[in-house]
């Protein structure tokens, strides 16, 4: 599994939005944002203005879990229907090695340009690339819902996100009330 934050945008604009509510200079807003993120919910709505594009190569079984996230998210994926017969598959196309006979059978279908048979027999560990467009608020929800999920791929995804985001503190502190 590979995860790469491709681009972030909207931090300054999010702070400007906060400044409208407080009628204060934008320079004071990082401090206010830190307080608001702890409150979570609608108090942290500025996080919705902070857009993130992420490239992810993940196995199909993880994508079926990820696809349950529908709010605040768009995804573009490589189309297996259009691309699966463009080249022979190798073990590196899978999260874990597959049985060699299965790989040979898939490659026979590929050589015959029988994309339907390839798709019908493609193991769940096949790596598919998608580009995700989302925002910090959605990522915070995903983090707090999935950080202890039994699929290890969730921990891989969340660890990479925290390492690559410009403001991971907004994810970690979301809704964590400080006494």
C-alpha atoms as a PDB file:
ATOM      1  CA  UNK A   1       0.000   0.000   0.000  1.00  0.00           C
ATOM      2  CA  UNK A   2       1.284   3.452  -0.931  1.00  0.00           C
ATOM      3  CA  UNK A   3      -0.145   6.784   0.236  1.00  0.00           C
ATOM      4  CA  UNK A   4       1.012  10.213  -0.951  1.00  0.00           C
ATOM      5  CA  UNK A   5      -0.473  13.624  -0.217  1.00  0.00           C
ATOM      6  CA  UNK A   6      -0.349  15.267  -3.637  1.00  0.00           C
ATOM      7  CA  UNK A   7      -1.534  18.770  -2.761  1.00  0.00           C
ATOM      8  CA  UNK A   8      -3.199  20.839  -0.070  1.00  0.00           C
ATOM      9  CA  UNK A   9      -5.057  24.121  -0.466  1.00  0.00           C
ATOM     10  CA  UNK A  10      -7.244  26.440   1.561  1.00  0.00           C
ATOM     11  CA  UNK A  11      -5.437  26.999   4.869  1.00  0.00           C
ATOM     12  CA  UNK A  12      -5.238  30.772   4.483  1.00  0.00           C
ATOM     13  CA  UNK A  13      -8.795  30.904   3.141  1.00  0.00           C
ATOM     14  CA  UNK A  14     -10.043  28.858   6.102  1.00  0.00           C
ATOM     15  CA  UNK A  15      -8.380  31.289   8.502  1.00  0.00           C
ATOM     16  CA  UNK A  16      -9.905  34.211   6.609  1.00  0.00           C
ATOM     17  CA  UNK A  17     -13.321  32.583   7.050  1.00  0.00           C
ATOM     18  CA  UNK A  18     -12.750  32.306  10.808  1.00  0.00           C
ATOM     19  CA  UNK A  19     -11.701  35.959  10.946  1.00  0.00           C
ATOM     20  CA  UNK A  20     -15.086  36.978   9.515  1.00  0.00           C
ATOM     21  CA  UNK A  21     -16.869  35.426  12.492  1.00  0.00           C
ATOM     22  CA  UNK A  22     -14.537  37.023  15.025  1.00  0.00           C
ATOM     23  CA  UNK A  23     -14.023  40.363  13.266  1.00  0.00           C
ATOM     24  CA  UNK A  24     -10.318  40.079  13.999  1.00  0.00           C
ATOM     25  CA  UNK A  25      -7.125  40.213  11.977  1.00  0.00           C
ATOM     26  CA  UNK A  26      -6.249  36.987  10.176  1.00  0.00           C
ATOM     27  CA  UNK A  27      -2.902  36.884  12.038  1.00  0.00           C
ATOM     28  CA  UNK A  28      -4.776  35.969  15.226  1.00  0.00           C
ATOM     29  CA  UNK A  29      -6.687  33.107  13.594  1.00  0.00           C
ATOM     30  CA  UNK A  30      -4.195  30.208  13.981  1.00  0.00           C
ATOM     31  CA  UNK A  31      -4.690  30.529  17.750  1.00  0.00           C
ATOM     32  CA  UNK A  32      -8.489  30.648  17.340  1.00  0.00           C
ATOM     33  CA  UNK A  33      -8.420  27.691  14.919  1.00  0.00           C
ATOM     34  CA  UNK A  34      -6.572  25.618  17.518  1.00  0.00           C
ATOM     35  CA  UNK A  35      -9.354  26.316  20.049  1.00  0.00           C
ATOM     36  CA  UNK A  36     -12.142  25.618  17.555  1.00  0.00           C
ATOM     37  CA  UNK A  37     -10.705  22.311  16.350  1.00  0.00           C
ATOM     38  CA  UNK A  38     -10.861  20.977  19.914  1.00  0.00           C
ATOM     39  CA  UNK A  39     -14.599  21.675  20.002  1.00  0.00           C
ATOM     40  CA  UNK A  40     -15.185  19.648  16.821  1.00  0.00           C
ATOM     41  CA  UNK A  41     -18.481  19.556  14.932  1.00  0.00           C
ATOM     42  CA  UNK A  42     -19.745  22.825  13.489  1.00  0.00           C
ATOM     43  CA  UNK A  43     -17.194  24.782  15.555  1.00  0.00           C
ATOM     44  CA  UNK A  44     -14.475  23.288  13.354  1.00  0.00           C
ATOM     45  CA  UNK A  45     -16.272  23.861  10.042  1.00  0.00           C
ATOM     46  CA  UNK A  46     -13.221  25.785   8.793  1.00  0.00           C
ATOM     47  CA  UNK A  47     -11.596  22.352   8.253  1.00  0.00           C
ATOM     48  CA  UNK A  48     -14.036  21.777   5.372  1.00  0.00           C
ATOM     49  CA  UNK A  49     -12.283  24.608   3.497  1.00  0.00           C
ATOM     50  CA  UNK A  50      -8.899  22.893   3.707  1.00  0.00           C
ATOM     51  CA  UNK A  51      -8.785  20.644   0.633  1.00  0.00           C
ATOM     52  CA  UNK A  52      -6.437  17.670   0.263  1.00  0.00           C
ATOM     53  CA  UNK A  53      -5.653  15.499  -2.783  1.00  0.00           C
ATOM     54  CA  UNK A  54      -4.176  12.092  -1.950  1.00  0.00           C
ATOM     55  CA  UNK A  55      -2.818   9.368  -4.230  1.00  0.00           C
ATOM     56  CA  UNK A  56      -3.400   5.862  -2.870  1.00  0.00           C
ATOM     57  CA  UNK A  57      -2.389   2.449  -4.212  1.00  0.00           C
ATOM     58  CA  UNK A  58      -4.349  -0.020  -2.099  1.00  0.00           C
ATOM     59  CA  UNK A  59      -5.772  -3.527  -2.368  1.00  0.00           C
ATOM     60  CA  UNK A  60      -9.345  -3.972  -3.516  1.00  0.00           C
ATOM     61  CA  UNK A  61     -10.398  -5.349  -0.129  1.00  0.00           C
ATOM     62  CA  UNK A  62      -9.360  -2.053   1.516  1.00  0.00           C
ATOM     63  CA  UNK A  63     -11.108   0.047  -1.144  1.00  0.00           C
ATOM     64  CA  UNK A  64     -14.377  -1.757  -0.427  1.00  0.00           C
ATOM     65  CA  UNK A  65     -14.050  -0.529   3.188  1.00  0.00           C
ATOM     66  CA  UNK A  66     -12.980   2.963   2.108  1.00  0.00           C
ATOM     67  CA  UNK A  67     -15.937   3.273  -0.262  1.00  0.00           C
ATOM     68  CA  UNK A  68     -18.264   3.481   2.743  1.00  0.00           C
ATOM     69  CA  UNK A  69     -16.964   7.061   3.173  1.00  0.00           C
ATOM     70  CA  UNK A  70     -19.256   9.066   0.923  1.00  0.00           C
ATOM     71  CA  UNK A  71     -19.555  12.541   2.439  1.00  0.00           C
ATOM     72  CA  UNK A  72     -16.857  15.104   1.700  1.00  0.00           C
ATOM     73  CA  UNK A  73     -15.021  12.819  -0.688  1.00  0.00           C
ATOM     74  CA  UNK A  74     -14.581  12.306  -4.414  1.00  0.00           C
ATOM     75  CA  UNK A  75     -12.446   9.578  -5.944  1.00  0.00           C
ATOM     76  CA  UNK A  76     -11.028   8.902  -9.382  1.00  0.00           C
ATOM     77  CA  UNK A  77      -9.611   5.465 -10.060  1.00  0.00           C
ATOM     78  CA  UNK A  78      -7.731   3.634 -12.735  1.00  0.00           C
ATOM     79  CA  UNK A  79     -10.329   1.649 -14.613  1.00  0.00           C
ATOM     80  CA  UNK A  80      -9.612  -2.060 -14.514  1.00  0.00           C
ATOM     81  CA  UNK A  81     -12.153  -2.556 -17.304  1.00  0.00           C
ATOM     82  CA  UNK A  82     -10.160  -0.280 -19.628  1.00  0.00           C
ATOM     83  CA  UNK A  83      -6.605  -1.001 -18.466  1.00  0.00           C
ATOM     84  CA  UNK A  84      -6.454  -4.535 -17.051  1.00  0.00           C
ATOM     85  CA  UNK A  85      -5.489  -6.132 -20.389  1.00  0.00           C
ATOM     86  CA  UNK A  86      -2.852  -3.521 -21.312  1.00  0.00           C
ATOM     87  CA  UNK A  87       0.042  -5.497 -19.781  1.00  0.00           C
ATOM     88  CA  UNK A  88       0.878  -8.756 -18.039  1.00  0.00           C
ATOM     89  CA  UNK A  89       0.458  -8.777 -14.265  1.00  0.00           C
ATOM     90  CA  UNK A  90       3.307  -9.531 -11.869  1.00  0.00           C
ATOM     91  CA  UNK A  91       3.419 -10.303  -8.158  1.00  0.00           C
ATOM     92  CA  UNK A  92       4.163  -6.591  -7.519  1.00  0.00           C
ATOM     93  CA  UNK A  93       0.606  -5.788  -8.665  1.00  0.00           C
ATOM     94  CA  UNK A  94      -0.701  -7.398  -5.463  1.00  0.00           C
ATOM     95  CA  UNK A  95      -0.553  -6.472  -1.786  1.00  0.00           C
ATOM     96  CA  UNK A  96       0.600 -10.014  -0.967  1.00  0.00           C
ATOM     97  CA  UNK A  97       1.914 -12.690  -3.346  1.00  0.00           C
ATOM     98  CA  UNK A  98      -0.763 -14.748  -5.058  1.00  0.00           C
ATOM     99  CA  UNK A  99      -0.623 -18.370  -6.113  1.00  0.00           C
ATOM    100  CA  UNK A 100       1.572 -18.575  -9.251  1.00  0.00           C
ATOM    101  CA  UNK A 101      -1.059 -20.635 -11.092  1.00  0.00           C
ATOM    102  CA  UNK A 102      -3.608 -17.860 -10.455  1.00  0.00           C
ATOM    103  CA  UNK A 103      -1.195 -15.273 -11.861  1.00  0.00           C
ATOM    104  CA  UNK A 104      -0.569 -17.458 -14.916  1.00  0.00           C
ATOM    105  CA  UNK A 105      -4.313 -17.862 -15.466  1.00  0.00           C
ATOM    106  CA  UNK A 106      -4.896 -14.114 -15.218  1.00  0.00           C
ATOM    107  CA  UNK A 107      -2.118 -13.468 -17.727  1.00  0.00           C
ATOM    108  CA  UNK A 108      -3.670 -15.988 -20.141  1.00  0.00           C
ATOM    109  CA  UNK A 109      -6.921 -13.987 -19.983  1.00  0.00           C
ATOM    110  CA  UNK A 110      -4.919 -10.776 -20.505  1.00  0.00           C
ATOM    111  CA  UNK A 111      -3.191 -12.195 -23.586  1.00  0.00           C
ATOM    112  CA  UNK A 112      -6.623 -13.143 -24.955  1.00  0.00           C
ATOM    113  CA  UNK A 113      -7.861  -9.579 -24.159  1.00  0.00           C
ATOM    114  CA  UNK A 114     -10.641 -11.186 -22.098  1.00  0.00           C
ATOM    115  CA  UNK A 115     -11.028  -8.317 -19.610  1.00  0.00           C
ATOM    116  CA  UNK A 116     -14.220  -9.721 -18.110  1.00  0.00           C
ATOM    117  CA  UNK A 117     -12.566 -12.997 -17.099  1.00  0.00           C
ATOM    118  CA  UNK A 118      -9.635 -11.068 -15.624  1.00  0.00           C
ATOM    119  CA  UNK A 119     -12.020  -8.927 -13.535  1.00  0.00           C
ATOM    120  CA  UNK A 120     -14.070 -11.945 -12.438  1.00  0.00           C
ATOM    121  CA  UNK A 121     -10.943 -13.767 -11.232  1.00  0.00           C
ATOM    122  CA  UNK A 122      -8.888 -10.837  -9.923  1.00  0.00           C
ATOM    123  CA  UNK A 123      -7.869 -11.453  -6.293  1.00  0.00           C
ATOM    124  CA  UNK A 124      -8.880  -8.932  -3.629  1.00  0.00           C
ATOM    125  CA  UNK A 125      -5.205  -8.164  -2.982  1.00  0.00           C
ATOM    126  CA  UNK A 126      -4.888  -6.511  -6.432  1.00  0.00           C
ATOM    127  CA  UNK A 127      -3.568  -2.974  -5.964  1.00  0.00           C
ATOM    128  CA  UNK A 128      -5.707  -0.243  -7.467  1.00  0.00           C
ATOM    129  CA  UNK A 129      -4.652   3.402  -7.688  1.00  0.00           C
ATOM    130  CA  UNK A 130      -7.093   6.178  -6.857  1.00  0.00           C
ATOM    131  CA  UNK A 131      -6.833   9.896  -6.395  1.00  0.00           C
ATOM    132  CA  UNK A 132      -8.919  11.113  -3.481  1.00  0.00           C
ATOM    133  CA  UNK A 133     -10.113  14.694  -3.117  1.00  0.00           C
ATOM    134  CA  UNK A 134     -11.286  15.463   0.394  1.00  0.00           C
ATOM    135  CA  UNK A 135     -10.836  17.896   3.253  1.00  0.00           C
ATOM    136  CA  UNK A 136      -9.405  17.995   6.750  1.00  0.00           C
ATOM    137  CA  UNK A 137     -12.762  17.568   8.458  1.00  0.00           C
ATOM    138  CA  UNK A 138     -13.520  14.357   6.572  1.00  0.00           C
ATOM    139  CA  UNK A 139     -10.003  13.068   7.285  1.00  0.00           C
ATOM    140  CA  UNK A 140     -10.494  13.826  10.997  1.00  0.00           C
ATOM    141  CA  UNK A 141     -13.717  11.797  10.997  1.00  0.00           C
ATOM    142  CA  UNK A 142     -11.992   8.927   9.188  1.00  0.00           C
ATOM    143  CA  UNK A 143      -9.082   9.049  11.620  1.00  0.00           C
ATOM    144  CA  UNK A 144     -11.233   8.839  14.741  1.00  0.00           C
ATOM    145  CA  UNK A 145     -13.480   6.152  13.235  1.00  0.00           C
ATOM    146  CA  UNK A 146     -10.717   3.914  11.842  1.00  0.00           C
ATOM    147  CA  UNK A 147      -7.544   4.395  13.911  1.00  0.00           C
ATOM    148  CA  UNK A 148      -8.092   1.105  15.758  1.00  0.00           C
ATOM    149  CA  UNK A 149      -9.654  -0.859  12.879  1.00  0.00           C
ATOM    150  CA  UNK A 150      -8.555  -4.478  12.569  1.00  0.00           C
ATOM    151  CA  UNK A 151      -7.427  -4.033   8.941  1.00  0.00           C
ATOM    152  CA  UNK A 152      -3.784  -2.991   9.259  1.00  0.00           C
ATOM    153  CA  UNK A 153      -4.124  -0.998   6.020  1.00  0.00           C
ATOM    154  CA  UNK A 154      -6.132   1.624   7.952  1.00  0.00           C
ATOM    155  CA  UNK A 155      -3.182   2.219  10.262  1.00  0.00           C
ATOM    156  CA  UNK A 156      -0.871   2.448   7.233  1.00  0.00           C
ATOM    157  CA  UNK A 157      -3.181   4.977   5.548  1.00  0.00           C
ATOM    158  CA  UNK A 158      -3.652   7.092   8.686  1.00  0.00           C
ATOM    159  CA  UNK A 159       0.050   7.040   9.584  1.00  0.00           C
ATOM    160  CA  UNK A 160       1.003   8.270   6.110  1.00  0.00           C
ATOM    161  CA  UNK A 161      -1.661  10.980   6.217  1.00  0.00           C
ATOM    162  CA  UNK A 162      -0.402  12.303   9.554  1.00  0.00           C
ATOM    163  CA  UNK A 163       3.203  12.257   8.323  1.00  0.00           C
ATOM    164  CA  UNK A 164       2.437  14.126   5.104  1.00  0.00           C
ATOM    165  CA  UNK A 165      -0.246  16.676   5.998  1.00  0.00           C
ATOM    166  CA  UNK A 166       0.831  20.258   6.632  1.00  0.00           C
ATOM    167  CA  UNK A 167      -1.406  20.513   9.725  1.00  0.00           C
ATOM    168  CA  UNK A 168      -1.761  17.023  11.261  1.00  0.00           C
ATOM    169  CA  UNK A 169      -2.557  18.610  14.619  1.00  0.00           C
ATOM    170  CA  UNK A 170      -6.027  19.463  13.275  1.00  0.00           C
ATOM    171  CA  UNK A 171      -6.668  15.749  12.721  1.00  0.00           C
ATOM    172  CA  UNK A 172      -5.245  14.625  16.055  1.00  0.00           C
ATOM    173  CA  UNK A 173      -6.921  17.353  18.111  1.00  0.00           C
ATOM    174  CA  UNK A 174     -10.330  17.300  16.399  1.00  0.00           C
ATOM    175  CA  UNK A 175     -13.052  17.113  19.047  1.00  0.00           C
ATOM    176  CA  UNK A 176     -10.511  16.447  21.836  1.00  0.00           C
ATOM    177  CA  UNK A 177     -11.738  18.889  24.483  1.00  0.00           C
ATOM    178  CA  UNK A 178      -8.940  20.370  26.529  1.00  0.00           C
ATOM    179  CA  UNK A 179      -9.695  20.865  30.213  1.00  0.00           C
END
